Amino acid sequence: AIRRTGMLRVSNTHELFAAVETLTHSVPLRGERLAIITNGGGPAVMSVDTLIERGGQLATLDDASIEQLQAVLPSNWRARNPIDL
């Protein structure tokens, strides 16, 4: 599922920075909307701020996406973007 959606998964900060470096040399993604998934409020806020500064916008989660996320995330997650695990 991760590969099919084009999502990139990293396990630590070293992988994160390596992935960011790799992405700077890749073909630009289509569209301006982005779903952000993070494990903390701070990184979520920084990601949203950077996205907006660069002219992007948060994607709206549709009902089907929310339903699928509810099946795997804790019951106290906020059903909106950014998704804070």
N, C-alpha and C. Protein backbone atom coordinates (compact mmCIF):
# COMPACT_ATOMS: atom_id res chain seq x y z
N ALA A 1 0.83 -1.19 0.00
CA ALA A 1 0.00 0.00 0.00
C ALA A 1 0.87 1.25 0.00
N ILE A 2 1.96 1.22 0.76
CA ILE A 2 2.84 2.39 0.81
C ILE A 2 3.41 2.68 -0.57
N ARG A 3 3.92 1.67 -1.23
CA ARG A 3 4.49 1.85 -2.56
C ARG A 3 3.44 2.33 -3.57
N ARG A 4 2.24 1.77 -3.48
CA ARG A 4 1.17 2.10 -4.42
C ARG A 4 0.75 3.57 -4.32
N THR A 5 0.76 4.13 -3.13
CA THR A 5 0.34 5.52 -2.95
C THR A 5 1.47 6.52 -3.14
N GLY A 6 2.69 6.02 -3.24
CA GLY A 6 3.83 6.92 -3.40
C GLY A 6 4.32 7.49 -2.08
N MET A 7 3.84 6.93 -0.97
CA MET A 7 4.26 7.38 0.34
C MET A 7 5.69 6.89 0.61
N LEU A 8 6.41 7.64 1.39
CA LEU A 8 7.76 7.28 1.76
C LEU A 8 7.79 7.06 3.26
N ARG A 9 8.33 5.91 3.67
CA ARG A 9 8.37 5.58 5.09
C ARG A 9 9.82 5.53 5.55
N VAL A 10 10.11 6.18 6.68
CA VAL A 10 11.46 6.15 7.24
C VAL A 10 11.38 5.71 8.70
N SER A 11 12.49 5.16 9.19
CA SER A 11 12.50 4.63 10.56
C SER A 11 13.26 5.50 11.55
N ASN A 12 14.10 6.40 11.05
CA ASN A 12 14.89 7.24 11.95
C ASN A 12 15.27 8.53 11.24
N THR A 13 15.90 9.44 11.99
CA THR A 13 16.23 10.74 11.40
C THR A 13 17.27 10.63 10.30
N HIS A 14 18.19 9.69 10.40
CA HIS A 14 19.18 9.51 9.32
C HIS A 14 18.46 9.17 8.01
N GLU A 15 17.53 8.23 8.07
CA GLU A 15 16.76 7.87 6.87
C GLU A 15 15.91 9.05 6.38
N LEU A 16 15.37 9.83 7.32
CA LEU A 16 14.56 10.98 6.94
C LEU A 16 15.37 11.97 6.12
N PHE A 17 16.55 12.34 6.62
CA PHE A 17 17.36 13.32 5.89
C PHE A 17 17.89 12.75 4.58
N ALA A 18 18.20 11.46 4.55
CA ALA A 18 18.62 10.83 3.29
C ALA A 18 17.47 10.85 2.28
N ALA A 19 16.25 10.61 2.76
CA ALA A 19 15.09 10.62 1.88
C ALA A 19 14.83 12.02 1.34
N VAL A 20 14.94 13.01 2.20
CA VAL A 20 14.73 14.39 1.75
C VAL A 20 15.76 14.76 0.70
N GLU A 21 17.00 14.39 0.91
CA GLU A 21 18.05 14.67 -0.08
C GLU A 21 17.73 13.99 -1.40
N THR A 22 17.29 12.75 -1.35
CA THR A 22 16.92 12.03 -2.57
C THR A 22 15.75 12.70 -3.27
N LEU A 23 14.76 13.11 -2.52
CA LEU A 23 13.57 13.73 -3.11
C LEU A 23 13.88 15.07 -3.79
N THR A 24 14.94 15.75 -3.34
CA THR A 24 15.28 17.02 -3.97
C THR A 24 15.78 16.82 -5.40
N HIS A 25 16.17 15.59 -5.73
CA HIS A 25 16.67 15.29 -7.07
C HIS A 25 15.66 14.51 -7.91
N SER A 26 14.45 14.37 -7.43
CA SER A 26 13.45 13.57 -8.14
C SER A 26 12.53 14.45 -8.98
N VAL A 27 11.72 13.79 -9.77
CA VAL A 27 10.72 14.49 -10.59
C VAL A 27 9.69 15.12 -9.65
N PRO A 28 9.33 16.37 -9.86
CA PRO A 28 8.33 17.01 -8.98
C PRO A 28 7.01 16.24 -8.98
N LEU A 29 6.38 16.22 -7.82
CA LEU A 29 5.09 15.56 -7.68
C LEU A 29 4.00 16.41 -8.32
N ARG A 30 2.92 15.76 -8.74
CA ARG A 30 1.79 16.49 -9.32
C ARG A 30 0.92 17.06 -8.22
N GLY A 31 0.35 18.20 -8.47
CA GLY A 31 -0.61 18.78 -7.54
C GLY A 31 0.05 19.54 -6.41
N GLU A 32 -0.79 20.18 -5.63
CA GLU A 32 -0.31 21.02 -4.52
C GLU A 32 -0.81 20.53 -3.17
N ARG A 33 -1.65 19.49 -3.17
CA ARG A 33 -2.24 19.01 -1.92
C ARG A 33 -1.39 17.87 -1.34
N LEU A 34 -1.28 17.85 -0.02
CA LEU A 34 -0.44 16.87 0.64
C LEU A 34 -1.09 16.42 1.94
N ALA A 35 -1.04 15.13 2.20
CA ALA A 35 -1.44 14.60 3.51
C ALA A 35 -0.16 14.40 4.30
N ILE A 36 -0.15 14.86 5.53
CA ILE A 36 1.03 14.77 6.39
C ILE A 36 0.73 13.81 7.52
N ILE A 37 1.63 12.83 7.70
CA ILE A 37 1.51 11.86 8.80
C ILE A 37 2.77 11.99 9.63
N THR A 38 2.60 12.22 10.93
CA THR A 38 3.75 12.43 11.80
C THR A 38 3.49 11.80 13.17
N ASN A 39 4.54 11.71 13.96
CA ASN A 39 4.39 11.13 15.29
C ASN A 39 4.44 12.18 16.39
N GLY A 40 4.25 13.44 16.02
CA GLY A 40 4.27 14.48 17.03
C GLY A 40 3.66 15.77 16.53
N GLY A 41 3.13 16.55 17.46
CA GLY A 41 2.50 17.81 17.09
C GLY A 41 3.48 18.83 16.54
N GLY A 42 4.68 18.89 17.11
CA GLY A 42 5.69 19.84 16.65
C GLY A 42 6.06 19.64 15.19
N PRO A 43 6.47 18.41 14.81
CA PRO A 43 6.79 18.17 13.41
C PRO A 43 5.59 18.41 12.48
N ALA A 44 4.39 18.16 12.97
CA ALA A 44 3.19 18.40 12.15
C ALA A 44 3.04 19.89 11.85
N VAL A 45 3.19 20.72 12.88
CA VAL A 45 3.06 22.17 12.70
C VAL A 45 4.15 22.69 11.76
N MET A 46 5.39 22.23 11.95
CA MET A 46 6.48 22.67 11.09
C MET A 46 6.24 22.24 9.64
N SER A 47 5.73 21.04 9.45
CA SER A 47 5.45 20.54 8.10
C SER A 47 4.36 21.36 7.42
N VAL A 48 3.30 21.65 8.16
CA VAL A 48 2.19 22.44 7.60
C VAL A 48 2.68 23.85 7.25
N ASP A 49 3.44 24.46 8.15
CA ASP A 49 3.96 25.81 7.89
C ASP A 49 4.80 25.83 6.62
N THR A 50 5.69 24.85 6.48
CA THR A 50 6.56 24.79 5.30
C THR A 50 5.74 24.55 4.04
N LEU A 51 4.77 23.67 4.12
CA LEU A 51 3.91 23.39 2.97
C LEU A 51 3.22 24.67 2.49
N ILE A 52 2.64 25.42 3.42
CA ILE A 52 1.92 26.64 3.07
C ILE A 52 2.88 27.71 2.54
N GLU A 53 4.06 27.85 3.18
CA GLU A 53 5.05 28.81 2.71
C GLU A 53 5.46 28.55 1.26
N ARG A 54 5.44 27.29 0.87
CA ARG A 54 5.87 26.92 -0.49
C ARG A 54 4.70 26.82 -1.47
N GLY A 55 3.54 27.30 -1.06
CA GLY A 55 2.41 27.36 -1.97
C GLY A 55 1.55 26.12 -2.04
N GLY A 56 1.79 25.16 -1.16
CA GLY A 56 0.98 23.94 -1.14
C GLY A 56 -0.21 24.10 -0.22
N GLN A 57 -1.01 23.07 -0.15
CA GLN A 57 -2.16 23.07 0.74
C GLN A 57 -2.40 21.66 1.27
N LEU A 58 -2.98 21.59 2.44
CA LEU A 58 -3.29 20.30 3.03
C LEU A 58 -4.41 19.63 2.26
N ALA A 59 -4.26 18.35 2.01
CA ALA A 59 -5.32 17.58 1.37
C ALA A 59 -6.43 17.35 2.39
N THR A 60 -7.65 17.31 1.92
CA THR A 60 -8.79 16.98 2.77
C THR A 60 -8.97 15.47 2.75
N LEU A 61 -9.07 14.88 3.93
CA LEU A 61 -9.28 13.44 4.02
C LEU A 61 -10.74 13.13 3.69
N ASP A 62 -10.95 12.24 2.73
CA ASP A 62 -12.33 11.87 2.40
C ASP A 62 -12.83 10.83 3.39
N ASP A 63 -14.12 10.57 3.35
CA ASP A 63 -14.74 9.64 4.31
C ASP A 63 -14.13 8.24 4.24
N ALA A 64 -13.81 7.77 3.04
CA ALA A 64 -13.23 6.43 2.89
C ALA A 64 -11.85 6.37 3.54
N SER A 65 -11.05 7.41 3.38
CA SER A 65 -9.72 7.44 4.01
C SER A 65 -9.84 7.46 5.52
N ILE A 66 -10.74 8.28 6.04
CA ILE A 66 -10.94 8.35 7.48
C ILE A 66 -11.38 7.01 8.03
N GLU A 67 -12.27 6.34 7.34
CA GLU A 67 -12.76 5.03 7.78
C GLU A 67 -11.61 4.02 7.83
N GLN A 68 -10.76 4.01 6.82
CA GLN A 68 -9.63 3.08 6.80
C GLN A 68 -8.63 3.41 7.90
N LEU A 69 -8.39 4.68 8.14
CA LEU A 69 -7.47 5.07 9.21
C LEU A 69 -8.03 4.72 10.58
N GLN A 70 -9.33 4.86 10.76
CA GLN A 70 -9.94 4.52 12.05
C GLN A 70 -9.78 3.04 12.38
N ALA A 71 -9.65 2.22 11.36
CA ALA A 71 -9.49 0.78 11.58
C ALA A 71 -8.12 0.43 12.13
N VAL A 72 -7.12 1.32 11.94
CA VAL A 72 -5.76 0.98 12.36
C VAL A 72 -5.16 1.94 13.38
N LEU A 73 -5.76 3.10 13.56
CA LEU A 73 -5.21 4.08 14.50
C LEU A 73 -5.95 4.02 15.83
N PRO A 74 -5.31 4.52 16.90
CA PRO A 74 -5.98 4.55 18.20
C PRO A 74 -7.29 5.33 18.14
N SER A 75 -8.20 5.01 19.02
CA SER A 75 -9.53 5.62 18.99
C SER A 75 -9.51 7.13 19.27
N ASN A 76 -8.44 7.63 19.87
CA ASN A 76 -8.38 9.05 20.22
C ASN A 76 -7.72 9.92 19.14
N TRP A 77 -7.46 9.38 17.96
CA TRP A 77 -6.84 10.20 16.91
C TRP A 77 -7.85 11.20 16.38
N ARG A 78 -7.35 12.35 15.97
CA ARG A 78 -8.22 13.38 15.39
C ARG A 78 -8.33 13.13 13.90
N ALA A 79 -9.52 12.96 13.43
CA ALA A 79 -9.75 12.58 12.03
C ALA A 79 -9.59 13.78 11.11
N ARG A 80 -8.35 14.24 10.98
CA ARG A 80 -8.07 15.35 10.08
C ARG A 80 -6.59 15.37 9.73
N ASN A 81 -6.25 16.18 8.78
CA ASN A 81 -4.90 16.32 8.29
C ASN A 81 -4.30 17.57 8.92
N PRO A 82 -3.11 17.53 9.50
CA PRO A 82 -2.16 16.43 9.51
C PRO A 82 -2.56 15.33 10.49
N ILE A 83 -2.13 14.13 10.18
CA ILE A 83 -2.44 12.97 10.99
C ILE A 83 -1.32 12.78 12.00
N ASP A 84 -1.62 12.98 13.27
CA ASP A 84 -0.64 12.86 14.35
C ASP A 84 -0.83 11.51 15.03
N LEU A 85 0.12 10.62 14.83
CA LEU A 85 0.03 9.30 15.42
C LEU A 85 0.34 9.35 16.90
